[in-house]
Amino acid sequence: MGRNQMMCGALTGGVMVIGLLFGRNSGGGEKDKAYSSVDALFNAFREKFGNLGCRELIEVDLRSEEGQRLYHERNLHSEKCSQYVAFVADWLLSLKR
C-alpha cells in the first residue's frame, strides 16, 4: 500500500475477502475460521512463491523512480503480479464455507 510494499496486494485483497466470508458482524463472534483461513492462504502463497512481501516478490523498490521505471520496463504487472492475483482468486474459490 502506498508503494511501501510490505505485503503483496493480492494477499491483502484475499484477507479482505476472507473477512467478508468468515469475519464477525459484531463483537464477541467467532474468529477461528477467519484466522485459520488467512493462515492457510499465507502458507499456500509462501510455498508457491517463496515470500509474502511485494518488494521481495517483484524485486524492485517502488518508492524510487528507478524502481518504478523497472516495474514498467519489465512489465512486472503482467509478468508477476497477475500470477499472484490469479493464485489468490483460485485459492479463495476453493474455500468451503
PDB file of N, CA and C in Angstrom:
ATOM      1  N   MET A   1       0.835  -1.177   0.000  1.00  0.00           N
ATOM      2  CA  MET A   1       0.000   0.000   0.000  1.00  0.00           C
ATOM      3  C   MET A   1       0.877   1.236   0.000  1.00  0.00           C
ATOM      4  N   GLY A   2       0.522   2.168  -0.831  1.00  0.00           N
ATOM      5  CA  GLY A   2       1.275   3.408  -0.892  1.00  0.00           C
ATOM      6  C   GLY A   2       2.730   3.206  -1.286  1.00  0.00           C
ATOM      7  N   ARG A   3       2.989   2.198  -2.096  1.00  0.00           N
ATOM      8  CA  ARG A   3       4.333   1.845  -2.566  1.00  0.00           C
ATOM      9  C   ARG A   3       5.279   1.401  -1.451  1.00  0.00           C
ATOM     10  N   ASN A   4       4.752   1.081  -0.294  1.00  0.00           N
ATOM     11  CA  ASN A   4       5.607   0.582   0.786  1.00  0.00           C
ATOM     12  C   ASN A   4       5.933  -0.887   0.625  1.00  0.00           C
ATOM     13  N   GLN A   5       5.136  -1.618  -0.117  1.00  0.00           N
ATOM     14  CA  GLN A   5       5.412  -2.998  -0.499  1.00  0.00           C
ATOM     15  C   GLN A   5       5.632  -3.939   0.674  1.00  0.00           C
ATOM     16  N   MET A   6       4.885  -3.759   1.737  1.00  0.00           N
ATOM     17  CA  MET A   6       5.039  -4.642   2.890  1.00  0.00           C
ATOM     18  C   MET A   6       4.449  -6.026   2.630  1.00  0.00           C
ATOM     19  N   MET A   7       3.277  -6.076   2.005  1.00  0.00           N
ATOM     20  CA  MET A   7       2.642  -7.342   1.685  1.00  0.00           C
ATOM     21  C   MET A   7       2.075  -7.259   0.274  1.00  0.00           C
ATOM     22  N   CYS A   8       2.100  -8.371  -0.417  1.00  0.00           N
ATOM     23  CA  CYS A   8       1.526  -8.436  -1.755  1.00  0.00           C
ATOM     24  C   CYS A   8       0.069  -7.971  -1.701  1.00  0.00           C
ATOM     25  N   GLY A   9      -0.312  -7.112  -2.605  1.00  0.00           N
ATOM     26  CA  GLY A   9      -1.674  -6.592  -2.660  1.00  0.00           C
ATOM     27  C   GLY A   9      -2.711  -7.679  -2.911  1.00  0.00           C
ATOM     28  N   ALA A  10      -2.336  -8.722  -3.641  1.00  0.00           N
ATOM     29  CA  ALA A  10      -3.269  -9.826  -3.868  1.00  0.00           C
ATOM     30  C   ALA A  10      -3.617 -10.496  -2.542  1.00  0.00           C
ATOM     31  N   LEU A  11      -2.631 -10.643  -1.669  1.00  0.00           N
ATOM     32  CA  LEU A  11      -2.890 -11.217  -0.347  1.00  0.00           C
ATOM     33  C   LEU A  11      -3.757 -10.295   0.493  1.00  0.00           C
ATOM     34  N   THR A  12      -3.501  -9.010   0.421  1.00  0.00           N
ATOM     35  CA  THR A  12      -4.314  -8.053   1.168  1.00  0.00           C
ATOM     36  C   THR A  12      -5.780  -8.172   0.746  1.00  0.00           C
ATOM     37  N   GLY A  13      -6.014  -8.247  -0.549  1.00  0.00           N
ATOM     38  CA  GLY A  13      -7.373  -8.429  -1.047  1.00  0.00           C
ATOM     39  C   GLY A  13      -7.962  -9.754  -0.597  1.00  0.00           C
ATOM     40  N   GLY A  14      -7.145 -10.806  -0.603  1.00  0.00           N
ATOM     41  CA  GLY A  14      -7.607 -12.113  -0.150  1.00  0.00           C
ATOM     42  C   GLY A  14      -8.033 -12.108   1.307  1.00  0.00           C
ATOM     43  N   VAL A  15      -7.279 -11.400   2.136  1.00  0.00           N
ATOM     44  CA  VAL A  15      -7.625 -11.292   3.557  1.00  0.00           C
ATOM     45  C   VAL A  15      -8.964 -10.563   3.715  1.00  0.00           C
ATOM     46  N   MET A  16      -9.181  -9.541   2.901  1.00  0.00           N
ATOM     47  CA  MET A  16     -10.460  -8.827   2.982  1.00  0.00           C
ATOM     48  C   MET A  16     -11.623  -9.739   2.595  1.00  0.00           C
ATOM     49  N   VAL A  17     -11.436 -10.554   1.566  1.00  0.00           N
ATOM     50  CA  VAL A  17     -12.499 -11.490   1.164  1.00  0.00           C
ATOM     51  C   VAL A  17     -12.760 -12.495   2.281  1.00  0.00           C
ATOM     52  N   ILE A  18     -11.707 -13.026   2.870  1.00  0.00           N
ATOM     53  CA  ILE A  18     -11.879 -13.964   3.986  1.00  0.00           C
ATOM     54  C   ILE A  18     -12.634 -13.291   5.127  1.00  0.00           C
ATOM     55  N   GLY A  19     -12.321 -12.043   5.394  1.00  0.00           N
ATOM     56  CA  GLY A  19     -13.033 -11.306   6.430  1.00  0.00           C
ATOM     57  C   GLY A  19     -14.520 -11.191   6.125  1.00  0.00           C
ATOM     58  N   LEU A  20     -14.841 -10.950   4.866  1.00  0.00           N
ATOM     59  CA  LEU A  20     -16.252 -10.875   4.484  1.00  0.00           C
ATOM     60  C   LEU A  20     -16.946 -12.227   4.618  1.00  0.00           C
ATOM     61  N   LEU A  21     -16.228 -13.287   4.275  1.00  0.00           N
ATOM     62  CA  LEU A  21     -16.827 -14.627   4.339  1.00  0.00           C
ATOM     63  C   LEU A  21     -16.966 -15.158   5.757  1.00  0.00           C
ATOM     64  N   PHE A  22     -15.932 -14.967   6.567  1.00  0.00           N
ATOM     65  CA  PHE A  22     -15.873 -15.640   7.861  1.00  0.00           C
ATOM     66  C   PHE A  22     -15.720 -14.692   9.052  1.00  0.00           C
ATOM     67  N   GLY A  23     -15.676 -13.407   8.788  1.00  0.00           N
ATOM     68  CA  GLY A  23     -15.466 -12.455   9.867  1.00  0.00           C
ATOM     69  C   GLY A  23     -16.705 -12.257  10.718  1.00  0.00           C
ATOM     70  N   ARG A  24     -16.518 -11.474  11.743  1.00  0.00           N
ATOM     71  CA  ARG A  24     -17.606 -11.205  12.686  1.00  0.00           C
ATOM     72  C   ARG A  24     -18.441 -10.028  12.216  1.00  0.00           C
ATOM     73  N   ASN A  25     -19.710 -10.077  12.520  1.00  0.00           N
ATOM     74  CA  ASN A  25     -20.595  -8.950  12.257  1.00  0.00           C
ATOM     75  C   ASN A  25     -20.767  -8.089  13.493  1.00  0.00           C
ATOM     76  N   SER A  26     -20.337  -8.626  14.639  1.00  0.00           N
ATOM     77  CA  SER A  26     -20.419  -7.872  15.887  1.00  0.00           C
ATOM     78  C   SER A  26     -19.318  -8.375  16.808  1.00  0.00           C
ATOM     79  N   GLY A  27     -19.040  -7.617  17.846  1.00  0.00           N
ATOM     80  CA  GLY A  27     -18.007  -8.017  18.803  1.00  0.00           C
ATOM     81  C   GLY A  27     -18.340  -9.342  19.462  1.00  0.00           C
ATOM     82  N   GLY A  28     -17.322 -10.087  19.787  1.00  0.00           N
ATOM     83  CA  GLY A  28     -17.506 -11.332  20.517  1.00  0.00           C
ATOM     84  C   GLY A  28     -17.807 -12.544  19.659  1.00  0.00           C
ATOM     85  N   GLY A  29     -17.905 -12.373  18.352  1.00  0.00           N
ATOM     86  CA  GLY A  29     -18.178 -13.507  17.475  1.00  0.00           C
ATOM     87  C   GLY A  29     -16.958 -14.396  17.289  1.00  0.00           C
ATOM     88  N   GLU A  30     -17.158 -15.497  16.638  1.00  0.00           N
ATOM     89  CA  GLU A  30     -16.102 -16.486  16.381  1.00  0.00           C
ATOM     90  C   GLU A  30     -15.104 -15.945  15.350  1.00  0.00           C
ATOM     91  N   LYS A  31     -13.814 -16.117  15.617  1.00  0.00           N
ATOM     92  CA  LYS A  31     -12.763 -15.642  14.720  1.00  0.00           C
ATOM     93  C   LYS A  31     -11.914 -16.778  14.150  1.00  0.00           C
ATOM     94  N   ASP A  32     -12.027 -17.966  14.699  1.00  0.00           N
ATOM     95  CA  ASP A  32     -11.109 -19.046  14.342  1.00  0.00           C
ATOM     96  C   ASP A  32     -11.129 -19.407  12.857  1.00  0.00           C
ATOM     97  N   LYS A  33     -12.295 -19.448  12.219  1.00  0.00           N
ATOM     98  CA  LYS A  33     -12.368 -19.810  10.798  1.00  0.00           C
ATOM     99  C   LYS A  33     -11.644 -18.762   9.951  1.00  0.00           C
ATOM    100  N   ALA A  34     -11.830 -17.497  10.261  1.00  0.00           N
ATOM    101  CA  ALA A  34     -11.143 -16.438   9.514  1.00  0.00           C
ATOM    102  C   ALA A  34      -9.632 -16.532   9.725  1.00  0.00           C
ATOM    103  N   TYR A  35      -9.217 -16.685  10.970  1.00  0.00           N
ATOM    104  CA  TYR A  35      -7.782 -16.748  11.266  1.00  0.00           C
ATOM    105  C   TYR A  35      -7.119 -17.953  10.599  1.00  0.00           C
ATOM    106  N   SER A  36      -7.750 -19.097  10.686  1.00  0.00           N
ATOM    107  CA  SER A  36      -7.152 -20.299  10.089  1.00  0.00           C
ATOM    108  C   SER A  36      -7.138 -20.211   8.567  1.00  0.00           C
ATOM    109  N   SER A  37      -8.140 -19.549   7.986  1.00  0.00           N
ATOM    110  CA  SER A  37      -8.169 -19.384   6.531  1.00  0.00           C
ATOM    111  C   SER A  37      -7.070 -18.446   6.062  1.00  0.00           C
ATOM    112  N   VAL A  38      -6.853 -17.350   6.773  1.00  0.00           N
ATOM    113  CA  VAL A  38      -5.771 -16.423   6.426  1.00  0.00           C
ATOM    114  C   VAL A  38      -4.426 -17.139   6.547  1.00  0.00           C
ATOM    115  N   ASP A  39      -4.246 -17.893   7.613  1.00  0.00           N
ATOM    116  CA  ASP A  39      -3.001 -18.634   7.805  1.00  0.00           C
ATOM    117  C   ASP A  39      -2.775 -19.629   6.665  1.00  0.00           C
ATOM    118  N   ALA A  40      -3.821 -20.336   6.274  1.00  0.00           N
ATOM    119  CA  ALA A  40      -3.707 -21.310   5.182  1.00  0.00           C
ATOM    120  C   ALA A  40      -3.380 -20.616   3.859  1.00  0.00           C
ATOM    121  N   LEU A  41      -4.018 -19.473   3.593  1.00  0.00           N
ATOM    122  CA  LEU A  41      -3.716 -18.721   2.374  1.00  0.00           C
ATOM    123  C   LEU A  41      -2.261 -18.275   2.374  1.00  0.00           C
ATOM    124  N   PHE A  42      -1.800 -17.700   3.475  1.00  0.00           N
ATOM    125  CA  PHE A  42      -0.407 -17.252   3.555  1.00  0.00           C
ATOM    126  C   PHE A  42       0.561 -18.413   3.342  1.00  0.00           C
ATOM    127  N   ASN A  43       0.294 -19.545   3.964  1.00  0.00           N
ATOM    128  CA  ASN A  43       1.174 -20.700   3.818  1.00  0.00           C
ATOM    129  C   ASN A  43       1.208 -21.206   2.379  1.00  0.00           C
ATOM    130  N   ALA A  44       0.049 -21.283   1.736  1.00  0.00           N
ATOM    131  CA  ALA A  44      -0.009 -21.750   0.346  1.00  0.00           C
ATOM    132  C   ALA A  44       0.725 -20.778  -0.581  1.00  0.00           C
ATOM    133  N   PHE A  45       0.530 -19.488  -0.362  1.00  0.00           N
ATOM    134  CA  PHE A  45       1.181 -18.469  -1.185  1.00  0.00           C
ATOM    135  C   PHE A  45       2.697 -18.525  -1.002  1.00  0.00           C
ATOM    136  N   ARG A  46       3.137 -18.591   0.252  1.00  0.00           N
ATOM    137  CA  ARG A  46       4.575 -18.645   0.539  1.00  0.00           C
ATOM    138  C   ARG A  46       5.202 -19.904  -0.063  1.00  0.00           C
ATOM    139  N   GLU A  47       4.494 -21.012   0.014  1.00  0.00           N
ATOM    140  CA  GLU A  47       5.009 -22.263  -0.559  1.00  0.00           C
ATOM    141  C   GLU A  47       5.177 -22.137  -2.072  1.00  0.00           C
ATOM    142  N   LYS A  48       4.227 -21.492  -2.735  1.00  0.00           N
ATOM    143  CA  LYS A  48       4.286 -21.368  -4.196  1.00  0.00           C
ATOM    144  C   LYS A  48       5.279 -20.311  -4.654  1.00  0.00           C
ATOM    145  N   PHE A  49       5.315 -19.160  -3.976  1.00  0.00           N
ATOM    146  CA  PHE A  49       6.101 -18.030  -4.470  1.00  0.00           C
ATOM    147  C   PHE A  49       7.318 -17.672  -3.619  1.00  0.00           C
ATOM    148  N   GLY A  50       7.441 -18.247  -2.437  1.00  0.00           N
ATOM    149  CA  GLY A  50       8.639 -18.054  -1.628  1.00  0.00           C
ATOM    150  C   GLY A  50       8.620 -16.876  -0.677  1.00  0.00           C
ATOM    151  N   ASN A  51       7.638 -16.001  -0.783  1.00  0.00           N
ATOM    152  CA  ASN A  51       7.611 -14.815   0.063  1.00  0.00           C
ATOM    153  C   ASN A  51       6.215 -14.220   0.049  1.00  0.00           C
ATOM    154  N   LEU A  52       5.924 -13.371   1.014  1.00  0.00           N
ATOM    155  CA  LEU A  52       4.642 -12.660   1.073  1.00  0.00           C
ATOM    156  C   LEU A  52       4.794 -11.180   0.735  1.00  0.00           C
ATOM    157  N   GLY A  53       6.018 -10.687   0.784  1.00  0.00           N
ATOM    158  CA  GLY A  53       6.280  -9.261   0.593  1.00  0.00           C
ATOM    159  C   GLY A  53       6.365  -8.868  -0.864  1.00  0.00           C
ATOM    160  N   CYS A  54       5.709  -7.791  -1.208  1.00  0.00           N
ATOM    161  CA  CYS A  54       5.695  -7.287  -2.578  1.00  0.00           C
ATOM    162  C   CYS A  54       7.112  -6.995  -3.089  1.00  0.00           C
ATOM    163  N   ARG A  55       7.885  -6.287  -2.305  1.00  0.00           N
ATOM    164  CA  ARG A  55       9.231  -5.894  -2.750  1.00  0.00           C
ATOM    165  C   ARG A  55      10.076  -7.117  -3.082  1.00  0.00           C
ATOM    166  N   GLU A  56       9.986  -8.132  -2.238  1.00  0.00           N
ATOM    167  CA  GLU A  56      10.765  -9.352  -2.467  1.00  0.00           C
ATOM    168  C   GLU A  56      10.232 -10.134  -3.672  1.00  0.00           C
ATOM    169  N   LEU A  57       8.935 -10.110  -3.868  1.00  0.00           N
ATOM    170  CA  LEU A  57       8.332 -10.858  -4.974  1.00  0.00           C
ATOM    171  C   LEU A  57       8.659 -10.252  -6.332  1.00  0.00           C
ATOM    172  N   ILE A  58       8.604  -8.927  -6.432  1.00  0.00           N
ATOM    173  CA  ILE A  58       8.844  -8.305  -7.743  1.00  0.00           C
ATOM    174  C   ILE A  58      10.279  -7.814  -7.911  1.00  0.00           C
ATOM    175  N   GLU A  59      11.022  -7.799  -6.832  1.00  0.00           N
ATOM    176  CA  GLU A  59      12.454  -7.472  -6.839  1.00  0.00           C
ATOM    177  C   GLU A  59      12.781  -6.068  -7.348  1.00  0.00           C
ATOM    178  N   VAL A  60      11.894  -5.126  -7.071  1.00  0.00           N
ATOM    179  CA  VAL A  60      12.179  -3.711  -7.309  1.00  0.00           C
ATOM    180  C   VAL A  60      11.559  -2.914  -6.163  1.00  0.00           C
ATOM    181  N   ASP A  61      12.110  -1.751  -5.905  1.00  0.00           N
ATOM    182  CA  ASP A  61      11.615  -0.865  -4.853  1.00  0.00           C
ATOM    183  C   ASP A  61      10.784   0.234  -5.497  1.00  0.00           C
ATOM    184  N   LEU A  62       9.481   0.161  -5.341  1.00  0.00           N
ATOM    185  CA  LEU A  62       8.581   1.110  -5.988  1.00  0.00           C
ATOM    186  C   LEU A  62       8.610   2.503  -5.370  1.00  0.00           C
ATOM    187  N   ARG A  63       9.320   2.666  -4.262  1.00  0.00           N
ATOM    188  CA  ARG A  63       9.437   4.000  -3.663  1.00  0.00           C
ATOM    189  C   ARG A  63      10.400   4.886  -4.441  1.00  0.00           C
ATOM    190  N   SER A  64      11.204   4.289  -5.307  1.00  0.00           N
ATOM    191  CA  SER A  64      12.169   5.069  -6.083  1.00  0.00           C
ATOM    192  C   SER A  64      11.700   5.193  -7.539  1.00  0.00           C
ATOM    193  N   GLU A  65      12.140   6.267  -8.183  1.00  0.00           N
ATOM    194  CA  GLU A  65      11.833   6.443  -9.607  1.00  0.00           C
ATOM    195  C   GLU A  65      12.431   5.301 -10.420  1.00  0.00           C
ATOM    196  N   GLU A  66      13.632   4.878 -10.048  1.00  0.00           N
ATOM    197  CA  GLU A  66      14.289   3.761 -10.743  1.00  0.00           C
ATOM    198  C   GLU A  66      13.450   2.490 -10.636  1.00  0.00           C
ATOM    199  N   GLY A  67      12.953   2.200  -9.435  1.00  0.00           N
ATOM    200  CA  GLY A  67      12.122   1.013  -9.237  1.00  0.00           C
ATOM    201  C   GLY A  67      10.837   1.078 -10.036  1.00  0.00           C
ATOM    202  N   GLN A  68      10.225   2.244 -10.095  1.00  0.00           N
ATOM    203  CA  GLN A  68       9.001   2.406 -10.880  1.00  0.00           C
ATOM    204  C   GLN A  68       9.277   2.225 -12.371  1.00  0.00           C
ATOM    205  N   ARG A  69      10.414   2.757 -12.809  1.00  0.00           N
ATOM    206  CA  ARG A  69      10.802   2.593 -14.211  1.00  0.00           C
ATOM    207  C   ARG A  69      11.009   1.120 -14.538  1.00  0.00           C
ATOM    208  N   LEU A  70      11.732   0.406 -13.668  1.00  0.00           N
ATOM    209  CA  LEU A  70      11.977  -1.021 -13.887  1.00  0.00           C
ATOM    210  C   LEU A  70      10.686  -1.830 -13.861  1.00  0.00           C
ATOM    211  N   TYR A  71       9.776  -1.458 -12.971  1.00  0.00           N
ATOM    212  CA  TYR A  71       8.481  -2.134 -12.885  1.00  0.00           C
ATOM    213  C   TYR A  71       7.773  -2.088 -14.237  1.00  0.00           C
ATOM    214  N   HIS A  72       7.788  -0.906 -14.858  1.00  0.00           N
ATOM    215  CA  HIS A  72       7.123  -0.754 -16.154  1.00  0.00           C
ATOM    216  C   HIS A  72       7.926  -1.392 -17.283  1.00  0.00           C
ATOM    217  N   GLU A  73       9.223  -1.189 -17.289  1.00  0.00           N
ATOM    218  CA  GLU A  73      10.069  -1.761 -18.342  1.00  0.00           C
ATOM    219  C   GLU A  73       9.993  -3.287 -18.360  1.00  0.00           C
ATOM    220  N   ARG A  74       9.990  -3.879 -17.195  1.00  0.00           N
ATOM    221  CA  ARG A  74       9.961  -5.346 -17.084  1.00  0.00           C
ATOM    222  C   ARG A  74       8.547  -5.908 -17.154  1.00  0.00           C
ATOM    223  N   ASN A  75       7.576  -5.016 -17.296  1.00  0.00           N
ATOM    224  CA  ASN A  75       6.173  -5.421 -17.384  1.00  0.00           C
ATOM    225  C   ASN A  75       5.790  -6.332 -16.212  1.00  0.00           C
ATOM    226  N   LEU A  76       6.212  -5.939 -15.022  1.00  0.00           N
ATOM    227  CA  LEU A  76       6.032  -6.790 -13.847  1.00  0.00           C
ATOM    228  C   LEU A  76       4.572  -6.990 -13.475  1.00  0.00           C
ATOM    229  N   HIS A  77       3.728  -6.029 -13.804  1.00  0.00           N
ATOM    230  CA  HIS A  77       2.303  -6.212 -13.507  1.00  0.00           C
ATOM    231  C   HIS A  77       1.782  -7.465 -14.213  1.00  0.00           C
ATOM    232  N   SER A  78       2.093  -7.591 -15.487  1.00  0.00           N
ATOM    233  CA  SER A  78       1.638  -8.757 -16.250  1.00  0.00           C
ATOM    234  C   SER A  78       2.487  -9.992 -15.973  1.00  0.00           C
ATOM    235  N   GLU A  79       3.792  -9.800 -15.837  1.00  0.00           N
ATOM    236  CA  GLU A  79       4.705 -10.925 -15.693  1.00  0.00           C
ATOM    237  C   GLU A  79       4.665 -11.582 -14.318  1.00  0.00           C
ATOM    238  N   LYS A  80       4.416 -10.808 -13.277  1.00  0.00           N
ATOM    239  CA  LYS A  80       4.434 -11.357 -11.920  1.00  0.00           C
ATOM    240  C   LYS A  80       3.127 -11.133 -11.176  1.00  0.00           C
ATOM    241  N   CYS A  81       2.714  -9.882 -11.068  1.00  0.00           N
ATOM    242  CA  CYS A  81       1.566  -9.552 -10.215  1.00  0.00           C
ATOM    243  C   CYS A  81       0.300 -10.291 -10.630  1.00  0.00           C
ATOM    244  N   SER A  82       0.082 -10.441 -11.915  1.00  0.00           N
ATOM    245  CA  SER A  82      -1.130 -11.136 -12.360  1.00  0.00           C
ATOM    246  C   SER A  82      -1.146 -12.591 -11.895  1.00  0.00           C
ATOM    247  N   GLN A  83       0.023 -13.218 -11.775  1.00  0.00           N
ATOM    248  CA  GLN A  83       0.095 -14.596 -11.244  1.00  0.00           C
ATOM    249  C   GLN A  83      -0.357 -14.646  -9.791  1.00  0.00           C
ATOM    250  N   TYR A  84       0.051 -13.639  -9.033  1.00  0.00           N
ATOM    251  CA  TYR A  84      -0.294 -13.604  -7.612  1.00  0.00           C
ATOM    252  C   TYR A  84      -1.794 -13.407  -7.429  1.00  0.00           C
ATOM    253  N   VAL A  85      -2.364 -12.506  -8.218  1.00  0.00           N
ATOM    254  CA  VAL A  85      -3.805 -12.265  -8.142  1.00  0.00           C
ATOM    255  C   VAL A  85      -4.571 -13.522  -8.540  1.00  0.00           C
ATOM    256  N   ALA A  86      -4.159 -14.168  -9.620  1.00  0.00           N
ATOM    257  CA  ALA A  86      -4.836 -15.387 -10.079  1.00  0.00           C
ATOM    258  C   ALA A  86      -4.738 -16.491  -9.029  1.00  0.00           C
ATOM    259  N   PHE A  87      -3.571 -16.642  -8.426  1.00  0.00           N
ATOM    260  CA  PHE A  87      -3.397 -17.674  -7.400  1.00  0.00           C
ATOM    261  C   PHE A  87      -4.341 -17.439  -6.231  1.00  0.00           C
ATOM    262  N   VAL A  88      -4.381 -16.202  -5.726  1.00  0.00           N
ATOM    263  CA  VAL A  88      -5.234 -15.894  -4.580  1.00  0.00           C
ATOM    264  C   VAL A  88      -6.708 -16.082  -4.949  1.00  0.00           C
ATOM    265  N   ALA A  89      -7.109 -15.622  -6.119  1.00  0.00           N
ATOM    266  CA  ALA A  89      -8.514 -15.785  -6.546  1.00  0.00           C
ATOM    267  C   ALA A  89      -8.881 -17.264  -6.639  1.00  0.00           C
ATOM    268  N   ASP A  90      -8.021 -18.073  -7.246  1.00  0.00           N
ATOM    269  CA  ASP A  90      -8.289 -19.517  -7.341  1.00  0.00           C
ATOM    270  C   ASP A  90      -8.351 -20.150  -5.958  1.00  0.00           C
ATOM    271  N   TRP A  91      -7.437 -19.755  -5.092  1.00  0.00           N
ATOM    272  CA  TRP A  91      -7.416 -20.309  -3.736  1.00  0.00           C
ATOM    273  C   TRP A  91      -8.715 -19.960  -3.019  1.00  0.00           C
ATOM    274  N   LEU A  92      -9.151 -18.727  -3.131  1.00  0.00           N
ATOM    275  CA  LEU A  92     -10.395 -18.303  -2.477  1.00  0.00           C
ATOM    276  C   LEU A  92     -11.603 -19.049  -3.037  1.00  0.00           C
ATOM    277  N   LEU A  93     -11.610 -19.291  -4.335  1.00  0.00           N
ATOM    278  CA  LEU A  93     -12.726 -20.036  -4.945  1.00  0.00           C
ATOM    279  C   LEU A  93     -12.797 -21.471  -4.442  1.00  0.00           C
ATOM    280  N   SER A  94     -11.673 -21.990  -3.988  1.00  0.00           N
ATOM    281  CA  SER A  94     -11.646 -23.378  -3.493  1.00  0.00           C
ATOM    282  C   SER A  94     -12.095 -23.492  -2.036  1.00  0.00           C
ATOM    283  N   LEU A  95     -12.283 -22.357  -1.368  1.00  0.00           N
ATOM    284  CA  LEU A  95     -12.688 -22.389   0.047  1.00  0.00           C
ATOM    285  C   LEU A  95     -14.075 -22.991   0.217  1.00  0.00           C
ATOM    286  N   LYS A  96     -14.213 -23.732   1.263  1.00  0.00           N
ATOM    287  CA  LYS A  96     -15.521 -24.272   1.631  1.00  0.00           C
ATOM    288  C   LYS A  96     -16.093 -23.397   2.727  1.00  0.00           C
ATOM    289  N   ARG A  97     -17.274 -22.911   2.503  1.00  0.00           N
ATOM    290  CA  ARG A  97     -17.915 -22.052   3.514  1.00  0.00           C
ATOM    291  C   ARG A  97     -18.461 -22.930   4.546  1.00  0.00           C
TER     292      ARG A  97
END
